[in-house]
Amino acid sequence: MASMRDQKIEQQRQMMEQKMKQKRQNSGLVQANDLRVGSAKRPISGSRSRELHGYDGPMQFLMSPVNPDQVIPLQTNRISTFDELGNQIEVLTVGEGDGSGEEDEESVPVCSVGRDASTDDVCADAAVAPLHDKPRRDSSPTQVYQKWCKTKTQKDKVREPKFVTKAPEIEGSVEGAVEQFVVTPAKHGTLYKCRIARDRKGMDRGLYPTYFLHLEKDYGKKVFLLAARKRKKSATSNYLISTDPTELTRTADSFAGKLRSNLLGTAFTVYDNGKAWRKHDHAHTRHELAAVVYDTNVLGFKGPRKMTVILPGMTPDRQRVTIAPQDDSETLLERLKSQTLDDIVVLHNKTPVWNDETQSYVLNFHGRVTQASVKNFQIVHDSEPDYVVMQFGRISEDIFTMDFRYPLCALQAFGIALSSFDSKLACE
């Protein structure tokens, strides 16, 4: 009897060691799980009656059946009102872990501490757990459309919001030529649901993949908008963006813009298809559409990324302010450094909220993000944290969702998302 009891104790001890080993191997990345309110079970990633794929390229057929990052089936019902959005909630977790093999080759995890996170919160192991509290609804889009714009005649005054309509938010569609649509600010009261597919068949064994942006439609359909590829011979990260996936060159008529980083990969600028002012072609001087700054990690703690997004302001007639620098001091990045905030809008990524009950960071992605990734983020304005201007996150190894609203356009949002893919040497 004593021998049998010892054997059972030894078996239980081995099982506990195995569970602890698996727990230690869990990555400390940003994660959003598609959980239903009131359910204590994790979502099932098995087969369902229908699967939606953002990109049906050949690489999808090379994935192993046991790949933990295989494409996860998504629900096909369309959600168009905030009441329905409030019924879906995700848990986003950040904790310690080795993270080996779970992030991309061209992007290393960024480990800066969130603005409101304490040291103990960032360093704690966090397990995925259901969140039973009902999330706060997003602010009505019509309440924040013109709230952020600062002009030279309104140096320190923020325009009061104008209530245009109280109609439910609708899903956007492409209107007119794609070349014009991708640079036009989003319509008021409209949410554009997009999907980014990464094709690793590019140059040099997948180190320079191609990215495809599609606008999602009903019944699994999609409309191609933009494609991008990282240039091989460039001192800094440089992505060419085009409306034609077969013509990813600066000389092509389909060239829409580009994304360029600094040497450390901590600051990025999104340009249109114009030429640099240094080339003295003032008739076609390029415009700066956005800039993104990732805070460097000096403490060494793992946690959510901290990013700042700078956009040109909007005029009273809802047109984008032209930012065409003729000098280095006029760029969006330099304006942020010097705190010259006239005619620009400064946004930040939404800091995940630490949940003591689940020991995890939580964010509400409304069912649009399903996998752990340090890339997952939501962009908001400090004065309206419930109005999500843009959100981006992983749903499989090479498929990501990207949703945006006013005042962003598709080219701006795509450039911001591309900056999340790039490696950041100073943020390791």
Protein backbone atom coordinates (compact mmCIF):
# COMPACT_ATOMS: atom_id res chain seq x y z
CA MET A 1 0.00 0.00 0.00
CA ALA A 2 2.78 2.40 0.88
CA SER A 3 4.45 1.66 -2.45
CA MET A 4 1.26 2.40 -4.41
CA ARG A 5 0.72 5.63 -2.49
CA ASP A 6 4.28 6.70 -3.22
CA GLN A 7 3.76 5.95 -6.91
CA LYS A 8 0.59 8.06 -7.01
CA ILE A 9 2.34 10.92 -5.23
CA GLU A 10 5.23 10.71 -7.70
CA GLN A 11 2.79 10.76 -10.66
CA GLN A 12 1.00 13.81 -9.25
CA ARG A 13 4.31 15.58 -8.71
CA GLN A 14 5.36 14.90 -12.32
CA MET A 15 2.02 16.20 -13.60
CA MET A 16 2.38 19.41 -11.58
CA GLU A 17 5.93 19.90 -12.87
CA GLN A 18 4.70 19.45 -16.44
CA LYS A 19 1.93 22.04 -15.93
CA MET A 20 4.36 24.53 -14.40
CA LYS A 21 6.76 23.97 -17.30
CA GLN A 22 4.02 24.69 -19.81
CA LYS A 23 3.02 27.81 -17.89
CA ARG A 24 6.59 29.12 -17.91
CA GLN A 25 6.77 28.58 -21.65
CA ASN A 26 3.73 30.74 -22.30
CA SER A 27 4.79 33.94 -24.05
CA GLY A 28 4.41 37.34 -22.40
CA LEU A 29 2.92 38.97 -25.49
CA VAL A 30 -0.15 41.07 -26.08
CA GLN A 31 -3.04 38.68 -26.58
CA ALA A 32 -6.70 39.09 -27.40
CA ASN A 33 -8.96 36.06 -27.13
CA ASP A 34 -12.43 36.07 -28.63
CA LEU A 35 -14.40 35.35 -25.46
CA ARG A 36 -18.09 35.68 -24.88
CA VAL A 37 -19.43 37.52 -21.87
CA GLY A 38 -20.33 35.11 -19.10
CA SER A 39 -18.35 32.20 -20.51
CA ALA A 40 -15.39 30.77 -18.61
CA LYS A 41 -14.14 28.69 -21.52
CA ARG A 42 -11.53 29.68 -24.08
CA PRO A 43 -12.70 29.86 -27.70
CA ILE A 44 -12.34 26.67 -29.71
CA SER A 45 -9.90 27.02 -32.58
CA GLY A 46 -11.03 23.84 -34.31
CA SER A 47 -12.86 23.58 -37.60
CA ARG A 48 -16.20 25.28 -38.08
CA SER A 49 -18.66 25.32 -40.91
CA ARG A 50 -16.95 28.20 -42.64
CA GLU A 51 -13.57 29.91 -42.65
CA LEU A 52 -12.73 33.41 -43.81
CA HIS A 53 -9.21 34.03 -45.09
CA GLY A 54 -7.79 37.49 -45.83
CA TYR A 55 -5.37 36.04 -48.38
CA ASP A 56 -5.68 32.83 -50.31
CA GLY A 57 -2.07 32.64 -51.44
CA PRO A 58 0.01 29.48 -51.78
CA MET A 59 1.62 29.90 -48.37
CA GLN A 60 -1.67 29.09 -46.68
CA PHE A 61 -1.37 25.49 -47.98
CA LEU A 62 2.14 25.03 -46.56
CA MET A 63 1.05 25.45 -42.96
CA SER A 64 1.22 22.36 -40.77
CA PRO A 65 -2.08 21.01 -39.40
CA VAL A 66 -0.58 21.21 -35.92
CA ASN A 67 0.75 24.71 -36.35
CA PRO A 68 -0.36 26.72 -33.29
CA ASP A 69 -0.69 29.79 -35.52
CA GLN A 70 -2.99 28.20 -38.09
CA VAL A 71 -5.85 30.27 -39.47
CA ILE A 72 -8.63 30.55 -36.94
CA PRO A 73 -12.21 30.48 -38.28
CA LEU A 74 -14.07 33.69 -37.69
CA GLN A 75 -17.75 34.27 -37.15
CA THR A 76 -19.41 35.56 -40.30
CA ASN A 77 -22.12 37.68 -38.72
CA ARG A 78 -21.70 41.39 -39.37
CA ILE A 79 -21.73 43.77 -36.43
CA SER A 80 -22.76 47.31 -37.22
CA THR A 81 -24.01 48.90 -33.99
CA PHE A 82 -22.26 49.65 -30.74
CA ASP A 83 -24.89 47.73 -28.77
CA GLU A 84 -23.89 44.57 -30.62
CA LEU A 85 -20.21 45.35 -30.33
CA GLY A 86 -20.53 45.52 -26.57
CA ASN A 87 -21.56 41.88 -26.51
CA GLN A 88 -18.13 40.67 -27.66
CA ILE A 89 -15.02 41.05 -25.54
CA GLU A 90 -11.45 39.91 -25.59
CA VAL A 91 -8.75 39.33 -22.99
CA LEU A 92 -5.37 40.78 -23.83
CA THR A 93 -2.54 39.44 -21.68
CA VAL A 94 1.03 40.49 -21.09
CA GLY A 95 3.45 38.54 -18.93
CA GLU A 96 6.96 37.15 -18.89
CA GLY A 97 8.08 34.39 -21.21
CA ASP A 98 10.82 33.53 -23.64
CA GLY A 99 8.62 34.25 -26.66
CA SER A 100 10.77 32.02 -28.79
CA GLY A 101 9.34 31.15 -32.16
CA GLU A 102 6.14 33.14 -31.75
CA GLU A 103 7.09 36.45 -33.32
CA ASP A 104 8.14 37.27 -36.83
CA GLU A 105 11.63 37.16 -38.24
CA GLU A 106 11.48 40.77 -39.36
CA SER A 107 9.98 42.01 -36.09
CA VAL A 108 11.33 41.49 -32.60
CA PRO A 109 9.16 41.93 -29.50
CA VAL A 110 9.16 45.44 -28.09
CA CYS A 111 9.35 45.60 -24.33
CA SER A 112 8.54 49.10 -23.15
CA VAL A 113 6.45 49.62 -20.03
CA GLY A 114 2.95 51.01 -20.52
CA ARG A 115 2.23 54.50 -19.31
CA ASP A 116 0.00 53.39 -16.45
CA ALA A 117 1.54 50.02 -15.64
CA SER A 118 3.56 49.43 -12.51
CA THR A 119 6.72 47.35 -12.37
CA ASP A 120 4.99 44.52 -10.54
CA ASP A 121 2.21 44.40 -13.12
CA VAL A 122 4.55 44.25 -16.08
CA CYS A 123 6.77 41.51 -14.68
CA ALA A 124 4.00 39.21 -13.44
CA ASP A 125 3.10 36.02 -15.26
CA ALA A 126 -0.31 36.44 -16.87
CA ALA A 127 -2.61 33.63 -17.90
CA VAL A 128 -5.47 33.95 -20.36
CA ALA A 129 -8.72 34.32 -18.43
CA PRO A 130 -12.29 35.32 -19.33
CA LEU A 131 -13.41 38.84 -18.54
CA HIS A 132 -16.98 39.00 -17.29
CA ASP A 133 -17.33 42.76 -16.95
CA LYS A 134 -19.22 44.37 -19.81
CA PRO A 135 -16.94 46.81 -21.67
CA ARG A 136 -17.65 50.48 -22.04
CA ARG A 137 -19.08 51.43 -25.38
CA ASP A 138 -17.06 53.54 -27.76
CA SER A 139 -17.92 57.21 -27.87
CA SER A 140 -20.24 58.16 -30.66
CA PRO A 141 -18.06 59.01 -33.67
CA THR A 142 -20.04 62.16 -34.29
CA GLN A 143 -18.99 63.52 -30.91
CA VAL A 144 -15.28 63.60 -31.65
CA TYR A 145 -14.91 64.34 -35.36
CA GLN A 146 -13.65 67.89 -35.06
CA LYS A 147 -12.48 67.87 -31.47
CA TRP A 148 -8.76 67.41 -32.00
CA CYS A 149 -7.88 69.91 -34.72
CA LYS A 150 -5.67 72.85 -33.72
CA THR A 151 -5.07 75.69 -36.16
CA LYS A 152 -2.90 78.78 -36.11
CA THR A 153 -5.94 80.90 -35.29
CA GLN A 154 -6.84 78.54 -32.44
CA LYS A 155 -3.43 77.96 -30.93
CA ASP A 156 -4.46 76.65 -27.56
CA LYS A 157 -8.15 75.99 -28.11
CA VAL A 158 -9.62 72.69 -29.07
CA ARG A 159 -12.70 72.96 -31.26
CA GLU A 160 -15.92 71.90 -29.55
CA PRO A 161 -17.42 68.75 -31.04
CA LYS A 162 -20.19 69.09 -33.58
CA PHE A 163 -23.00 66.59 -33.45
CA VAL A 164 -23.68 65.82 -37.09
CA THR A 165 -25.87 62.75 -36.63
CA LYS A 166 -26.64 60.13 -34.04
CA ALA A 167 -27.16 57.32 -36.53
CA PRO A 168 -25.45 53.96 -35.85
CA GLU A 169 -22.01 53.48 -37.34
CA ILE A 170 -21.97 51.79 -40.74
CA GLU A 171 -19.30 49.73 -42.48
CA GLY A 172 -17.41 51.54 -45.22
CA SER A 173 -16.95 50.59 -48.84
CA VAL A 174 -14.77 51.79 -51.71
CA GLU A 175 -16.23 54.75 -53.58
CA GLY A 176 -14.70 55.97 -56.81
CA ALA A 177 -11.21 55.11 -58.00
CA VAL A 178 -9.03 53.18 -55.57
CA GLU A 179 -6.14 55.61 -56.14
CA GLN A 180 -8.27 58.45 -54.77
CA PHE A 181 -10.04 56.44 -52.11
CA VAL A 182 -6.87 55.34 -50.30
CA VAL A 183 -5.80 58.97 -49.66
CA THR A 184 -9.24 60.36 -48.78
CA PRO A 185 -10.10 60.68 -45.05
CA ALA A 186 -12.67 58.21 -43.80
CA LYS A 187 -16.29 59.31 -43.80
CA HIS A 188 -17.96 60.33 -40.56
CA GLY A 189 -19.88 57.58 -38.84
CA THR A 190 -18.14 54.90 -40.90
CA LEU A 191 -15.90 52.03 -39.82
CA TYR A 192 -13.62 50.50 -42.45
CA LYS A 193 -12.81 46.87 -41.66
CA CYS A 194 -9.68 45.70 -43.44
CA ARG A 195 -7.36 42.72 -43.47
CA ILE A 196 -3.60 42.54 -44.08
CA ALA A 197 -2.08 39.37 -45.53
CA ARG A 198 1.66 38.77 -45.40
CA ASP A 199 3.18 36.74 -48.23
CA ARG A 200 6.57 35.33 -47.25
CA LYS A 201 7.44 34.21 -50.78
CA GLY A 202 9.33 37.45 -51.33
CA MET A 203 13.04 38.03 -51.61
CA ASP A 204 15.71 36.40 -49.44
CA ARG A 205 13.83 33.56 -47.75
CA GLY A 206 10.97 35.63 -46.48
CA LEU A 207 12.97 38.47 -44.93
CA TYR A 208 11.33 40.88 -47.36
CA PRO A 209 7.70 39.74 -47.54
CA THR A 210 4.92 41.47 -49.44
CA TYR A 211 1.91 42.85 -47.59
CA PHE A 212 -1.57 43.07 -49.11
CA LEU A 213 -4.37 45.26 -47.74
CA HIS A 214 -7.98 44.32 -48.52
CA LEU A 215 -11.26 45.90 -47.46
CA GLU A 216 -13.57 43.25 -46.06
CA LYS A 217 -17.05 42.83 -47.52
CA ASP A 218 -20.05 40.65 -46.76
CA TYR A 219 -19.98 36.88 -47.25
CA GLY A 220 -16.19 36.63 -47.07
CA LYS A 221 -15.58 38.86 -50.09
CA LYS A 222 -12.81 41.44 -50.14
CA VAL A 223 -11.62 44.39 -52.24
CA PHE A 224 -7.91 44.95 -52.87
CA LEU A 225 -6.64 48.38 -51.80
CA LEU A 226 -2.86 48.48 -51.37
CA ALA A 227 0.29 46.37 -51.44
CA ALA A 228 3.68 47.07 -49.85
CA ARG A 229 7.15 45.58 -49.85
CA LYS A 230 10.30 46.46 -47.95
CA ARG A 231 13.12 47.70 -50.17
CA LYS A 232 16.20 45.52 -50.04
CA LYS A 233 18.99 48.04 -50.62
CA SER A 234 18.23 50.84 -48.20
CA ALA A 235 20.14 52.28 -45.24
CA THR A 236 16.94 52.37 -43.19
CA SER A 237 13.69 50.46 -43.39
CA ASN A 238 11.84 51.66 -46.47
CA TYR A 239 8.50 50.26 -47.64
CA LEU A 240 7.06 51.04 -51.08
CA ILE A 241 3.25 51.18 -51.18
CA SER A 242 1.29 50.74 -54.40
CA THR A 243 -2.26 50.28 -55.64
CA ASP A 244 -0.97 47.60 -58.03
CA PRO A 245 0.59 44.51 -56.38
CA THR A 246 2.55 43.74 -59.56
CA GLU A 247 4.16 47.21 -59.79
CA LEU A 248 5.93 47.86 -56.49
CA THR A 249 8.34 50.52 -57.79
CA ARG A 250 8.65 54.27 -57.35
CA THR A 251 8.46 54.89 -61.09
CA ALA A 252 5.13 53.09 -61.58
CA ASP A 253 1.94 55.08 -62.04
CA SER A 254 0.41 53.02 -59.24
CA PHE A 255 2.99 54.21 -56.67
CA ALA A 256 0.90 55.56 -53.78
CA GLY A 257 3.47 56.39 -51.11
CA LYS A 258 6.09 54.97 -48.81
CA LEU A 259 7.02 54.36 -45.18
CA ARG A 260 10.52 55.22 -43.99
CA SER A 261 12.15 54.72 -40.60
CA ASN A 262 15.13 56.14 -38.79
CA LEU A 263 18.28 54.09 -38.26
CA LEU A 264 17.14 52.51 -34.98
CA GLY A 265 13.64 51.75 -36.24
CA THR A 266 11.96 53.79 -33.51
CA ALA A 267 10.49 56.57 -35.67
CA PHE A 268 8.59 56.20 -38.95
CA THR A 269 7.12 58.64 -41.47
CA VAL A 270 4.38 57.94 -44.01
CA TYR A 271 4.65 59.91 -47.28
CA ASP A 272 2.45 60.23 -50.34
CA ASN A 273 3.81 59.73 -53.87
CA GLY A 274 5.48 63.15 -54.18
CA LYS A 275 9.20 63.88 -54.34
CA ALA A 276 11.51 65.01 -51.55
CA TRP A 277 11.89 68.77 -51.17
CA ARG A 278 15.68 68.40 -51.42
CA LYS A 279 15.26 67.46 -55.10
CA HIS A 280 13.99 70.99 -55.85
CA ASP A 281 10.84 69.77 -57.55
CA HIS A 282 8.54 72.09 -55.62
CA ALA A 283 5.63 71.44 -57.97
CA HIS A 284 5.41 67.83 -56.75
CA THR A 285 6.80 68.07 -53.21
CA ARG A 286 5.73 65.07 -51.19
CA HIS A 287 3.35 65.43 -48.26
CA GLU A 288 3.80 63.82 -44.86
CA LEU A 289 0.65 61.89 -44.01
CA ALA A 290 1.62 60.44 -40.62
CA ALA A 291 4.50 59.74 -38.26
CA VAL A 292 4.88 57.01 -35.63
CA VAL A 293 7.27 57.03 -32.66
CA TYR A 294 7.97 53.94 -30.55
CA ASP A 295 9.41 54.63 -27.10
CA THR A 296 12.77 52.99 -26.47
CA ASN A 297 12.95 50.40 -23.71
CA VAL A 298 15.52 51.42 -21.09
CA LEU A 299 14.21 49.36 -18.16
CA GLY A 300 14.22 45.92 -19.72
CA PHE A 301 10.70 44.98 -18.62
CA LYS A 302 8.32 43.13 -20.86
CA GLY A 303 5.02 44.84 -21.48
CA PRO A 304 2.80 46.52 -24.05
CA ARG A 305 4.32 48.76 -26.66
CA LYS A 306 4.10 52.49 -26.18
CA MET A 307 3.64 54.38 -29.43
CA THR A 308 2.78 57.93 -30.46
CA VAL A 309 1.08 58.74 -33.77
CA ILE A 310 1.25 62.22 -35.31
CA LEU A 311 -1.25 63.19 -38.01
CA PRO A 312 -1.92 66.39 -39.98
CA GLY A 313 -4.89 68.28 -38.56
CA MET A 314 -8.27 68.61 -40.24
CA THR A 315 -9.79 71.83 -41.59
CA PRO A 316 -13.37 72.92 -40.74
CA ASP A 317 -14.54 71.45 -44.08
CA ARG A 318 -12.99 68.09 -43.06
CA GLN A 319 -9.99 68.22 -45.36
CA ARG A 320 -6.50 67.20 -44.30
CA VAL A 321 -4.04 70.02 -43.54
CA THR A 322 -1.14 69.93 -45.99
CA ILE A 323 2.21 69.12 -44.38
CA ALA A 324 4.84 69.56 -47.10
CA PRO A 325 8.14 70.32 -45.31
CA GLN A 326 10.65 72.56 -47.04
CA ASP A 327 13.05 72.17 -44.13
CA ASP A 328 13.90 69.48 -41.59
CA SER A 329 12.36 71.56 -38.81
CA GLU A 330 8.94 71.42 -40.50
CA THR A 331 8.55 67.64 -40.43
CA LEU A 332 5.96 65.96 -38.22
CA LEU A 333 8.65 64.34 -36.07
CA GLU A 334 10.47 67.62 -35.48
CA ARG A 335 7.20 69.38 -34.69
CA LEU A 336 6.53 66.79 -32.01
CA LYS A 337 10.03 67.20 -30.55
CA SER A 338 9.70 70.99 -30.42
CA GLN A 339 6.07 70.77 -29.26
CA THR A 340 4.95 72.88 -32.21
CA LEU A 341 1.50 71.32 -32.28
CA ASP A 342 -0.29 73.75 -34.59
CA ASP A 343 -2.16 71.97 -37.38
CA ILE A 344 -1.29 68.47 -36.15
CA VAL A 345 -3.05 65.79 -34.10
CA VAL A 346 -1.19 63.65 -31.54
CA LEU A 347 -2.56 60.20 -30.73
CA HIS A 348 -1.33 57.33 -28.54
CA ASN A 349 -1.89 53.63 -28.30
CA LYS A 350 -4.47 52.68 -25.72
CA THR A 351 -2.85 51.28 -22.59
CA PRO A 352 -4.23 47.85 -21.65
CA VAL A 353 -5.93 47.76 -18.26
CA TRP A 354 -4.46 45.41 -15.68
CA ASN A 355 -7.05 43.00 -14.28
CA ASP A 356 -6.18 41.64 -10.83
CA GLU A 357 -8.76 38.89 -11.07
CA THR A 358 -7.44 37.41 -14.31
CA GLN A 359 -3.82 38.58 -13.80
CA SER A 360 -3.75 39.92 -17.33
CA TYR A 361 -3.96 43.08 -19.41
CA VAL A 362 -7.32 43.47 -21.11
CA LEU A 363 -8.45 45.36 -24.22
CA ASN A 364 -11.72 45.18 -26.12
CA PHE A 365 -11.13 44.40 -29.81
CA HIS A 366 -14.80 43.58 -30.49
CA GLY A 367 -13.98 40.09 -31.76
CA ARG A 368 -11.56 41.32 -34.41
CA VAL A 369 -8.31 39.98 -32.84
CA THR A 370 -7.84 36.37 -31.80
CA GLN A 371 -4.12 35.68 -31.27
CA ALA A 372 -1.30 36.86 -29.03
CA SER A 373 1.13 39.36 -30.54
CA VAL A 374 3.17 42.30 -29.38
CA LYS A 375 1.88 44.03 -32.51
CA ASN A 376 -1.73 44.28 -31.29
CA PHE A 377 -2.71 47.88 -30.56
CA GLN A 378 -5.50 50.45 -30.53
CA ILE A 379 -4.93 54.13 -31.35
CA VAL A 380 -6.91 56.78 -29.46
CA HIS A 381 -6.80 60.48 -28.60
CA ASP A 382 -6.08 61.33 -24.97
CA SER A 383 -9.25 63.44 -24.72
CA GLU A 384 -11.45 60.65 -26.13
CA PRO A 385 -10.01 57.28 -25.02
CA ASP A 386 -13.22 55.45 -25.95
CA TYR A 387 -13.14 56.53 -29.60
CA VAL A 388 -10.79 54.04 -31.29
CA VAL A 389 -9.32 55.73 -34.37
CA MET A 390 -7.54 52.56 -35.47
CA GLN A 391 -6.99 49.04 -34.21
CA PHE A 392 -4.65 46.34 -35.48
CA GLY A 393 -4.05 42.76 -34.42
CA ARG A 394 -3.20 39.20 -35.35
CA ILE A 395 -5.68 36.47 -36.22
CA SER A 396 -3.19 33.94 -37.63
CA GLU A 397 0.50 33.65 -38.45
CA ASP A 398 0.27 35.78 -41.59
CA ILE A 399 -3.19 37.38 -41.38
CA PHE A 400 -3.95 40.57 -39.43
CA THR A 401 -7.03 42.76 -39.10
CA MET A 402 -6.83 46.55 -39.46
CA ASP A 403 -9.85 48.76 -38.78
CA PHE A 404 -9.84 52.55 -39.02
CA ARG A 405 -12.14 55.55 -38.72
CA TYR A 406 -12.10 59.29 -39.33
CA PRO A 407 -9.75 61.16 -39.60
CA LEU A 408 -7.51 58.40 -41.02
CA CYS A 409 -7.36 57.30 -44.64
CA ALA A 410 -6.40 53.83 -45.85
CA LEU A 411 -2.84 54.85 -46.77
CA GLN A 412 -2.22 56.38 -43.34
CA ALA A 413 -3.59 53.36 -41.50
CA PHE A 414 -1.65 50.92 -43.70
CA GLY A 415 1.59 52.82 -43.08
CA ILE A 416 1.03 52.79 -39.31
CA ALA A 417 0.37 49.05 -39.43
CA LEU A 418 3.52 48.42 -41.49
CA SER A 419 5.59 50.20 -38.86
CA SER A 420 4.44 47.58 -36.35
CA PHE A 421 5.94 44.79 -38.49
CA ASP A 422 9.41 46.33 -38.69
CA SER A 423 12.21 45.40 -36.30
CA LYS A 424 13.12 47.94 -33.63
CA LEU A 425 16.71 47.59 -32.44
CA ALA A 426 16.44 50.12 -29.61
CA CYS A 427 13.28 48.56 -28.21
CA GLU A 428 14.49 45.01 -27.59
